[in-house]
Protein backbone atom coordinates (compact mmCIF):
# COMPACT_ATOMS: atom_id res chain seq x y z
CA MET A 1 131.66 63.27 305.66
CA LYS A 2 132.17 60.38 308.03
CA ARG A 3 135.79 59.86 309.04
CA ASN A 4 137.14 56.36 309.30
CA VAL A 5 140.46 54.58 309.65
CA GLY A 6 140.53 53.38 306.04
CA MET A 7 140.34 56.93 304.72
CA LEU A 8 143.13 58.02 307.09
CA ILE A 9 145.35 55.17 305.90
CA LEU A 10 144.60 56.12 302.29
CA PHE A 11 145.60 59.73 302.98
CA LEU A 12 148.81 58.59 304.71
CA VAL A 13 149.81 56.28 301.87
CA LEU A 14 149.06 58.93 299.24
CA GLY A 15 151.06 61.49 301.23
CA TRP A 16 153.94 59.03 301.50
CA LEU A 17 153.80 58.35 297.76
CA VAL A 18 153.67 62.04 296.82
CA GLY A 19 156.58 62.76 299.17
CA ALA A 20 158.63 59.93 297.68
CA LEU A 21 157.94 61.14 294.14
CA ILE A 22 158.93 64.71 295.02
CA ALA A 23 162.07 63.43 296.77
CA GLN A 24 162.99 61.39 293.71
CA ALA A 25 162.53 64.43 291.47
CA LEU A 26 164.65 66.61 293.79
CA GLU A 27 167.38 64.02 294.28
CA PRO A 28 169.84 65.66 291.82
CA VAL A 29 169.72 68.92 293.79
CA GLN A 30 172.72 68.65 296.12
CA SER A 31 171.61 71.35 298.57
CA LEU A 32 168.40 69.41 299.36
CA SER A 33 170.08 66.08 300.10
CA PHE A 34 169.01 66.22 303.75
CA LEU A 35 165.37 66.07 302.56
CA THR A 36 165.81 63.38 299.94
CA THR A 37 168.10 60.90 301.70
CA SER A 38 165.98 57.88 302.57
CA THR A 39 166.23 55.28 305.30
CA GLN A 40 165.24 51.75 304.40
CA ILE A 41 163.39 49.51 306.84
CA GLU A 42 163.22 45.86 305.83
CA TRP A 43 161.39 42.86 307.28
CA SER A 44 161.95 39.38 305.83
CA PRO A 45 160.01 36.65 307.59
CA GLN A 46 160.56 33.14 306.34
CA ALA A 47 159.79 29.60 307.42
CA ASP A 48 160.35 26.15 306.04
CA PHE A 49 158.05 23.46 307.34
CA ASN A 50 157.99 20.02 305.82
CA ILE A 51 154.85 20.59 303.76
CA ILE A 52 154.91 24.36 303.25
CA SER A 53 157.49 27.08 303.12
CA TYR A 54 157.29 30.83 302.67
CA ASP A 55 159.68 33.69 302.20
CA PHE A 56 158.69 37.27 301.55
CA THR A 57 160.19 40.71 302.05
CA ILE A 58 158.59 43.99 303.04
CA GLN A 59 160.60 47.17 302.52
CA PHE A 60 159.78 50.71 303.57
CA LYS A 61 161.73 53.72 302.35
CA LEU A 62 161.20 56.85 304.39
CA CYS A 63 162.78 60.25 303.89
CA LEU A 64 162.21 63.57 305.59
CA LEU A 65 160.26 64.95 302.65
CA SER A 66 157.85 62.00 302.57
CA LEU A 67 157.36 62.33 306.33
CA PHE A 68 156.53 66.02 305.84
CA CYS A 69 154.00 65.11 303.12
CA MET A 70 152.43 62.51 305.42
CA ILE A 71 151.98 65.20 308.09
CA ILE A 72 150.32 67.45 305.49
CA SER A 73 148.02 64.59 304.46
CA VAL A 74 146.91 64.10 308.09
CA TRP A 75 146.24 67.83 308.29
CA LEU A 76 144.15 67.64 305.09
CA TYR A 77 142.28 64.62 306.45
CA ARG A 78 141.38 66.52 309.60
CA LYS A 79 140.16 69.47 307.50
CA LEU A 80 137.57 67.27 305.74
């Protein structure tokens, strides 16, 4: 199978999503709070020109468990 950047990005996003879902499911478990506590990164570019204006927000939530799942997804990608 030919490896490409698009497939790697797909694996990373799926790993991030799986990690976030597992972290959300394990959130009530108090002893695993170090894995499920997330850090939010936000970027909000905006501009107002006379004829056009834009305003949008991009947010990333990253926790230790989702980072671990992303590492596993890269490992799986390399095993293909």
